Amino acid sequence: MLDRDVVQEFLEERFEENEIQIPKEIKTNDLIEAFCLYTEDDYYEWLKDNYKSFFEGLDWNLIKERMEHYKETHKQNFE
């Protein structure tokens, strides 16, 4: 699900900012893959939680209000 190249770039930037070096016995690709899988697992749980709260009670009027709010505040995403 996550773009491994983007994650690698992200981690490289963070490691550089925090002056962190990956130990030689750890393969960079393995570290990136493990971090992606860790993040994707958490991301799925986050999606489930947000699904529950967004669709709670399945009140379509409330959902339409939320949609209108996001259409107004993020117009570029709806064009």
PDB file of N, CA and C in Angstrom:
ATOM      1  N   MET A   1       0.823  -1.188   0.000  1.00  0.00           N
ATOM      2  CA  MET A   1       0.000   0.000   0.000  1.00  0.00           C
ATOM      3  C   MET A   1       0.875   1.262   0.000  1.00  0.00           C
ATOM      4  N   LEU A   2       1.883   1.315   0.843  1.00  0.00           N
ATOM      5  CA  LEU A   2       2.757   2.481   0.873  1.00  0.00           C
ATOM      6  C   LEU A   2       3.794   2.394  -0.240  1.00  0.00           C
ATOM      7  N   ASP A   3       4.164   3.518  -0.775  1.00  0.00           N
ATOM      8  CA  ASP A   3       5.216   3.590  -1.784  1.00  0.00           C
ATOM      9  C   ASP A   3       6.561   3.454  -1.079  1.00  0.00           C
ATOM     10  N   ARG A   4       7.222   2.333  -1.306  1.00  0.00           N
ATOM     11  CA  ARG A   4       8.481   2.051  -0.603  1.00  0.00           C
ATOM     12  C   ARG A   4       9.552   3.096  -0.895  1.00  0.00           C
ATOM     13  N   ASP A   5       9.583   3.638  -2.110  1.00  0.00           N
ATOM     14  CA  ASP A   5      10.573   4.669  -2.445  1.00  0.00           C
ATOM     15  C   ASP A   5      10.342   5.945  -1.636  1.00  0.00           C
ATOM     16  N   VAL A   6       9.083   6.309  -1.473  1.00  0.00           N
ATOM     17  CA  VAL A   6       8.741   7.501  -0.685  1.00  0.00           C
ATOM     18  C   VAL A   6       9.117   7.277   0.775  1.00  0.00           C
ATOM     19  N   VAL A   7       8.838   6.078   1.283  1.00  0.00           N
ATOM     20  CA  VAL A   7       9.177   5.765   2.669  1.00  0.00           C
ATOM     21  C   VAL A   7      10.690   5.784   2.860  1.00  0.00           C
ATOM     22  N   GLN A   8      11.424   5.245   1.903  1.00  0.00           N
ATOM     23  CA  GLN A   8      12.884   5.259   2.005  1.00  0.00           C
ATOM     24  C   GLN A   8      13.402   6.690   2.075  1.00  0.00           C
ATOM     25  N   GLU A   9      12.894   7.535   1.221  1.00  0.00           N
ATOM     26  CA  GLU A   9      13.293   8.949   1.225  1.00  0.00           C
ATOM     27  C   GLU A   9      12.955   9.601   2.568  1.00  0.00           C
ATOM     28  N   PHE A  10      11.765   9.319   3.067  1.00  0.00           N
ATOM     29  CA  PHE A  10      11.333   9.858   4.348  1.00  0.00           C
ATOM     30  C   PHE A  10      12.285   9.422   5.464  1.00  0.00           C
ATOM     31  N   LEU A  11      12.563   8.118   5.523  1.00  0.00           N
ATOM     32  CA  LEU A  11      13.443   7.611   6.578  1.00  0.00           C
ATOM     33  C   LEU A  11      14.853   8.175   6.459  1.00  0.00           C
ATOM     34  N   GLU A  12      15.356   8.255   5.246  1.00  0.00           N
ATOM     35  CA  GLU A  12      16.694   8.813   5.051  1.00  0.00           C
ATOM     36  C   GLU A  12      16.776  10.250   5.565  1.00  0.00           C
ATOM     37  N   GLU A  13      15.754  11.039   5.269  1.00  0.00           N
ATOM     38  CA  GLU A  13      15.714  12.423   5.753  1.00  0.00           C
ATOM     39  C   GLU A  13      15.666  12.479   7.270  1.00  0.00           C
ATOM     40  N   ARG A  14      14.819  11.654   7.877  1.00  0.00           N
ATOM     41  CA  ARG A  14      14.702  11.635   9.347  1.00  0.00           C
ATOM     42  C   ARG A  14      15.998  11.181  10.007  1.00  0.00           C
ATOM     43  N   PHE A  15      16.603  10.136   9.440  1.00  0.00           N
ATOM     44  CA  PHE A  15      17.855   9.640  10.008  1.00  0.00           C
ATOM     45  C   PHE A  15      18.945  10.702   9.915  1.00  0.00           C
ATOM     46  N   GLU A  16      18.981  11.389   8.785  1.00  0.00           N
ATOM     47  CA  GLU A  16      19.988  12.447   8.609  1.00  0.00           C
ATOM     48  C   GLU A  16      19.746  13.585   9.605  1.00  0.00           C
ATOM     49  N   GLU A  17      18.497  14.021   9.738  1.00  0.00           N
ATOM     50  CA  GLU A  17      18.165  15.098  10.677  1.00  0.00           C
ATOM     51  C   GLU A  17      18.525  14.740  12.118  1.00  0.00           C
ATOM     52  N   ASN A  18      18.344  13.463  12.457  1.00  0.00           N
ATOM     53  CA  ASN A  18      18.588  13.022  13.831  1.00  0.00           C
ATOM     54  C   ASN A  18      19.944  12.348  14.015  1.00  0.00           C
ATOM     55  N   GLU A  19      20.762  12.436  12.960  1.00  0.00           N
ATOM     56  CA  GLU A  19      22.114  11.867  12.977  1.00  0.00           C
ATOM     57  C   GLU A  19      22.112  10.396  13.407  1.00  0.00           C
ATOM     58  N   ILE A  20      21.230   9.624  12.759  1.00  0.00           N
ATOM     59  CA  ILE A  20      21.095   8.198  13.033  1.00  0.00           C
ATOM     60  C   ILE A  20      21.715   7.422  11.884  1.00  0.00           C
ATOM     61  N   GLN A  21      22.508   6.430  12.230  1.00  0.00           N
ATOM     62  CA  GLN A  21      23.091   5.548  11.225  1.00  0.00           C
ATOM     63  C   GLN A  21      22.547   4.140  11.429  1.00  0.00           C
ATOM     64  N   ILE A  22      22.182   3.520  10.327  1.00  0.00           N
ATOM     65  CA  ILE A  22      21.683   2.149  10.374  1.00  0.00           C
ATOM     66  C   ILE A  22      22.870   1.229  10.618  1.00  0.00           C
ATOM     67  N   PRO A  23      22.775   0.335  11.599  1.00  0.00           N
ATOM     68  CA  PRO A  23      23.863  -0.620  11.823  1.00  0.00           C
ATOM     69  C   PRO A  23      24.135  -1.448  10.568  1.00  0.00           C
ATOM     70  N   LYS A  24      25.394  -1.788  10.349  1.00  0.00           N
ATOM     71  CA  LYS A  24      25.796  -2.505   9.133  1.00  0.00           C
ATOM     72  C   LYS A  24      25.085  -3.839   8.959  1.00  0.00           C
ATOM     73  N   GLU A  25      24.741  -4.500  10.072  1.00  0.00           N
ATOM     74  CA  GLU A  25      24.117  -5.818   9.957  1.00  0.00           C
ATOM     75  C   GLU A  25      22.633  -5.748   9.582  1.00  0.00           C
ATOM     76  N   ILE A  26      22.073  -4.536   9.516  1.00  0.00           N
ATOM     77  CA  ILE A  26      20.668  -4.355   9.124  1.00  0.00           C
ATOM     78  C   ILE A  26      20.620  -3.899   7.673  1.00  0.00           C
ATOM     79  N   LYS A  27      19.932  -4.680   6.849  1.00  0.00           N
ATOM     80  CA  LYS A  27      19.782  -4.314   5.445  1.00  0.00           C
ATOM     81  C   LYS A  27      18.750  -3.198   5.334  1.00  0.00           C
ATOM     82  N   THR A  28      19.093  -2.166   4.597  1.00  0.00           N
ATOM     83  CA  THR A  28      18.213  -1.009   4.438  1.00  0.00           C
ATOM     84  C   THR A  28      16.854  -1.419   3.887  1.00  0.00           C
ATOM     85  N   ASN A  29      16.842  -2.263   2.862  1.00  0.00           N
ATOM     86  CA  ASN A  29      15.559  -2.684   2.267  1.00  0.00           C
ATOM     87  C   ASN A  29      14.702  -3.447   3.263  1.00  0.00           C
ATOM     88  N   ASP A  30      15.337  -4.266   4.116  1.00  0.00           N
ATOM     89  CA  ASP A  30      14.581  -4.994   5.135  1.00  0.00           C
ATOM     90  C   ASP A  30      13.990  -4.042   6.164  1.00  0.00           C
ATOM     91  N   LEU A  31      14.753  -3.028   6.531  1.00  0.00           N
ATOM     92  CA  LEU A  31      14.279  -2.036   7.493  1.00  0.00           C
ATOM     93  C   LEU A  31      13.089  -1.265   6.915  1.00  0.00           C
ATOM     94  N   ILE A  32      13.208  -0.869   5.665  1.00  0.00           N
ATOM     95  CA  ILE A  32      12.130  -0.125   5.002  1.00  0.00           C
ATOM     96  C   ILE A  32      10.876  -0.993   4.910  1.00  0.00           C
ATOM     97  N   GLU A  33      11.043  -2.252   4.526  1.00  0.00           N
ATOM     98  CA  GLU A  33       9.892  -3.148   4.399  1.00  0.00           C
ATOM     99  C   GLU A  33       9.220  -3.369   5.756  1.00  0.00           C
ATOM    100  N   ALA A  34      10.022  -3.600   6.786  1.00  0.00           N
ATOM    101  CA  ALA A  34       9.460  -3.816   8.123  1.00  0.00           C
ATOM    102  C   ALA A  34       8.720  -2.573   8.605  1.00  0.00           C
ATOM    103  N   PHE A  35       9.286  -1.390   8.372  1.00  0.00           N
ATOM    104  CA  PHE A  35       8.633  -0.146   8.776  1.00  0.00           C
ATOM    105  C   PHE A  35       7.330   0.052   8.006  1.00  0.00           C
ATOM    106  N   CYS A  36       7.330  -0.260   6.710  1.00  0.00           N
ATOM    107  CA  CYS A  36       6.116  -0.128   5.904  1.00  0.00           C
ATOM    108  C   CYS A  36       5.025  -1.059   6.404  1.00  0.00           C
ATOM    109  N   LEU A  37       5.379  -2.307   6.675  1.00  0.00           N
ATOM    110  CA  LEU A  37       4.390  -3.260   7.162  1.00  0.00           C
ATOM    111  C   LEU A  37       3.847  -2.836   8.521  1.00  0.00           C
ATOM    112  N   TYR A  38       4.727  -2.357   9.383  1.00  0.00           N
ATOM    113  CA  TYR A  38       4.324  -1.848  10.707  1.00  0.00           C
ATOM    114  C   TYR A  38       3.328  -0.696  10.538  1.00  0.00           C
ATOM    115  N   THR A  39       3.652   0.227   9.646  1.00  0.00           N
ATOM    116  CA  THR A  39       2.811   1.397   9.410  1.00  0.00           C
ATOM    117  C   THR A  39       1.488   1.000   8.766  1.00  0.00           C
ATOM    118  N   GLU A  40       1.527   0.075   7.814  1.00  0.00           N
ATOM    119  CA  GLU A  40       0.307  -0.364   7.151  1.00  0.00           C
ATOM    120  C   GLU A  40      -0.634  -1.067   8.134  1.00  0.00           C
ATOM    121  N   ASP A  41      -0.080  -1.854   9.036  1.00  0.00           N
ATOM    122  CA  ASP A  41      -0.918  -2.490  10.055  1.00  0.00           C
ATOM    123  C   ASP A  41      -1.630  -1.439  10.897  1.00  0.00           C
ATOM    124  N   ASP A  42      -0.899  -0.433  11.319  1.00  0.00           N
ATOM    125  CA  ASP A  42      -1.469   0.646  12.121  1.00  0.00           C
ATOM    126  C   ASP A  42      -2.470   1.457  11.296  1.00  0.00           C
ATOM    127  N   TYR A  43      -2.143   1.686  10.036  1.00  0.00           N
ATOM    128  CA  TYR A  43      -2.991   2.450   9.130  1.00  0.00           C
ATOM    129  C   TYR A  43      -4.349   1.773   8.959  1.00  0.00           C
ATOM    130  N   TYR A  44      -4.350   0.445   8.835  1.00  0.00           N
ATOM    131  CA  TYR A  44      -5.596  -0.289   8.676  1.00  0.00           C
ATOM    132  C   TYR A  44      -6.475  -0.123   9.910  1.00  0.00           C
ATOM    133  N   GLU A  45      -5.871  -0.207  11.093  1.00  0.00           N
ATOM    134  CA  GLU A  45      -6.633  -0.019  12.337  1.00  0.00           C
ATOM    135  C   GLU A  45      -7.188   1.404  12.410  1.00  0.00           C
ATOM    136  N   TRP A  46      -6.385   2.362  11.997  1.00  0.00           N
ATOM    137  CA  TRP A  46      -6.803   3.764  11.981  1.00  0.00           C
ATOM    138  C   TRP A  46      -7.992   3.941  11.035  1.00  0.00           C
ATOM    139  N   LEU A  47      -7.928   3.302   9.857  1.00  0.00           N
ATOM    140  CA  LEU A  47      -9.049   3.382   8.911  1.00  0.00           C
ATOM    141  C   LEU A  47     -10.319   2.802   9.512  1.00  0.00           C
ATOM    142  N   LYS A  48     -10.200   1.668  10.181  1.00  0.00           N
ATOM    143  CA  LYS A  48     -11.378   1.050  10.800  1.00  0.00           C
ATOM    144  C   LYS A  48     -11.980   1.971  11.854  1.00  0.00           C
ATOM    145  N   ASP A  49     -11.142   2.596  12.674  1.00  0.00           N
ATOM    146  CA  ASP A  49     -11.638   3.512  13.702  1.00  0.00           C
ATOM    147  C   ASP A  49     -12.343   4.713  13.079  1.00  0.00           C
ATOM    148  N   ASN A  50     -11.748   5.267  12.027  1.00  0.00           N
ATOM    149  CA  ASN A  50     -12.354   6.419  11.373  1.00  0.00           C
ATOM    150  C   ASN A  50     -13.630   6.048  10.632  1.00  0.00           C
ATOM    151  N   TYR A  51     -13.678   4.846  10.081  1.00  0.00           N
ATOM    152  CA  TYR A  51     -14.897   4.371   9.439  1.00  0.00           C
ATOM    153  C   TYR A  51     -16.037   4.340  10.448  1.00  0.00           C
ATOM    154  N   LYS A  52     -15.738   3.789  11.623  1.00  0.00           N
ATOM    155  CA  LYS A  52     -16.760   3.693  12.665  1.00  0.00           C
ATOM    156  C   LYS A  52     -17.285   5.068  13.047  1.00  0.00           C
ATOM    157  N   SER A  53     -16.384   6.025  13.243  1.00  0.00           N
ATOM    158  CA  SER A  53     -16.833   7.342  13.695  1.00  0.00           C
ATOM    159  C   SER A  53     -17.513   8.138  12.571  1.00  0.00           C
ATOM    160  N   PHE A  54     -17.053   7.987  11.333  1.00  0.00           N
ATOM    161  CA  PHE A  54     -17.641   8.730  10.217  1.00  0.00           C
ATOM    162  C   PHE A  54     -19.041   8.235   9.907  1.00  0.00           C
ATOM    163  N   PHE A  55     -19.240   6.912   9.955  1.00  0.00           N
ATOM    164  CA  PHE A  55     -20.517   6.320   9.591  1.00  0.00           C
ATOM    165  C   PHE A  55     -21.349   5.899  10.801  1.00  0.00           C
ATOM    166  N   GLU A  56     -20.954   6.319  11.975  1.00  0.00           N
ATOM    167  CA  GLU A  56     -21.650   5.942  13.205  1.00  0.00           C
ATOM    168  C   GLU A  56     -23.135   6.277  13.116  1.00  0.00           C
ATOM    169  N   GLY A  57     -23.964   5.282  13.366  1.00  0.00           N
ATOM    170  CA  GLY A  57     -25.408   5.485  13.338  1.00  0.00           C
ATOM    171  C   GLY A  57     -25.974   5.622  11.933  1.00  0.00           C
ATOM    172  N   LEU A  58     -25.123   5.614  10.938  1.00  0.00           N
ATOM    173  CA  LEU A  58     -25.487   5.758   9.527  1.00  0.00           C
ATOM    174  C   LEU A  58     -26.541   6.853   9.330  1.00  0.00           C
ATOM    175  N   ASP A  59     -26.177   8.035   9.783  1.00  0.00           N
ATOM    176  CA  ASP A  59     -27.032   9.213   9.635  1.00  0.00           C
ATOM    177  C   ASP A  59     -26.580   9.953   8.375  1.00  0.00           C
ATOM    178  N   TRP A  60     -27.321   9.733   7.278  1.00  0.00           N
ATOM    179  CA  TRP A  60     -26.914  10.320   6.001  1.00  0.00           C
ATOM    180  C   TRP A  60     -26.948  11.838   6.021  1.00  0.00           C
ATOM    181  N   ASN A  61     -27.803  12.438   6.819  1.00  0.00           N
ATOM    182  CA  ASN A  61     -27.812  13.898   6.915  1.00  0.00           C
ATOM    183  C   ASN A  61     -26.504  14.398   7.537  1.00  0.00           C
ATOM    184  N   LEU A  62     -26.039  13.728   8.583  1.00  0.00           N
ATOM    185  CA  LEU A  62     -24.767  14.088   9.200  1.00  0.00           C
ATOM    186  C   LEU A  62     -23.616  13.864   8.229  1.00  0.00           C
ATOM    187  N   ILE A  63     -23.680  12.780   7.496  1.00  0.00           N
ATOM    188  CA  ILE A  63     -22.625  12.498   6.518  1.00  0.00           C
ATOM    189  C   ILE A  63     -22.602  13.568   5.434  1.00  0.00           C
ATOM    190  N   LYS A  64     -23.784  13.992   4.967  1.00  0.00           N
ATOM    191  CA  LYS A  64     -23.847  15.063   3.964  1.00  0.00           C
ATOM    192  C   LYS A  64     -23.268  16.363   4.517  1.00  0.00           C
ATOM    193  N   GLU A  65     -23.529  16.648   5.790  1.00  0.00           N
ATOM    194  CA  GLU A  65     -22.957  17.841   6.423  1.00  0.00           C
ATOM    195  C   GLU A  65     -21.436  17.748   6.450  1.00  0.00           C
ATOM    196  N   ARG A  66     -20.916  16.589   6.803  1.00  0.00           N
ATOM    197  CA  ARG A  66     -19.461  16.403   6.810  1.00  0.00           C
ATOM    198  C   ARG A  66     -18.891  16.579   5.412  1.00  0.00           C
ATOM    199  N   MET A  67     -19.582  16.028   4.422  1.00  0.00           N
ATOM    200  CA  MET A  67     -19.123  16.165   3.039  1.00  0.00           C
ATOM    201  C   MET A  67     -19.085  17.635   2.624  1.00  0.00           C
ATOM    202  N   GLU A  68     -20.122  18.363   2.958  1.00  0.00           N
ATOM    203  CA  GLU A  68     -20.164  19.790   2.623  1.00  0.00           C
ATOM    204  C   GLU A  68     -19.029  20.548   3.307  1.00  0.00           C
ATOM    205  N   HIS A  69     -18.778  20.210   4.557  1.00  0.00           N
ATOM    206  CA  HIS A  69     -17.682  20.849   5.288  1.00  0.00           C
ATOM    207  C   HIS A  69     -16.362  20.643   4.535  1.00  0.00           C
ATOM    208  N   TYR A  70     -16.089  19.410   4.136  1.00  0.00           N
ATOM    209  CA  TYR A  70     -14.831  19.126   3.452  1.00  0.00           C
ATOM    210  C   TYR A  70     -14.802  19.705   2.045  1.00  0.00           C
ATOM    211  N   LYS A  71     -15.940  19.767   1.385  1.00  0.00           N
ATOM    212  CA  LYS A  71     -15.994  20.409   0.070  1.00  0.00           C
ATOM    213  C   LYS A  71     -15.647  21.882   0.184  1.00  0.00           C
ATOM    214  N   GLU A  72     -16.120  22.525   1.250  1.00  0.00           N
ATOM    215  CA  GLU A  72     -15.839  23.949   1.454  1.00  0.00           C
ATOM    216  C   GLU A  72     -14.391  24.199   1.852  1.00  0.00           C
ATOM    217  N   THR A  73     -13.855  23.344   2.696  1.00  0.00           N
ATOM    218  CA  THR A  73     -12.502  23.586   3.220  1.00  0.00           C
ATOM    219  C   THR A  73     -11.399  22.991   2.349  1.00  0.00           C
ATOM    220  N   HIS A  74     -11.758  22.102   1.420  1.00  0.00           N
ATOM    221  CA  HIS A  74     -10.764  21.471   0.555  1.00  0.00           C
ATOM    222  C   HIS A  74     -11.274  21.425  -0.881  1.00  0.00           C
ATOM    223  N   LYS A  75     -11.671  22.571  -1.384  1.00  0.00           N
ATOM    224  CA  LYS A  75     -12.312  22.653  -2.703  1.00  0.00           C
ATOM    225  C   LYS A  75     -11.485  22.000  -3.800  1.00  0.00           C
ATOM    226  N   GLN A  76     -10.176  22.144  -3.755  1.00  0.00           N
ATOM    227  CA  GLN A  76      -9.305  21.616  -4.810  1.00  0.00           C
ATOM    228  C   GLN A  76      -9.397  20.096  -4.923  1.00  0.00           C
ATOM    229  N   ASN A  77      -9.757  19.427  -3.852  1.00  0.00           N
ATOM    230  CA  ASN A  77      -9.849  17.967  -3.872  1.00  0.00           C
ATOM    231  C   ASN A  77     -11.138  17.480  -4.522  1.00  0.00           C
ATOM    232  N   PHE A  78     -12.111  18.356  -4.674  1.00  0.00           N
ATOM    233  CA  PHE A  78     -13.419  17.963  -5.175  1.00  0.00           C
ATOM    234  C   PHE A  78     -13.673  18.420  -6.604  1.00  0.00           C
ATOM    235  N   GLU A  79     -12.701  19.007  -7.220  1.00  0.00           N
ATOM    236  CA  GLU A  79     -12.892  19.517  -8.589  1.00  0.00           C
ATOM    237  C   GLU A  79     -12.566  18.459  -9.617  1.00  0.00           C
TER     238      GLU A  79
END
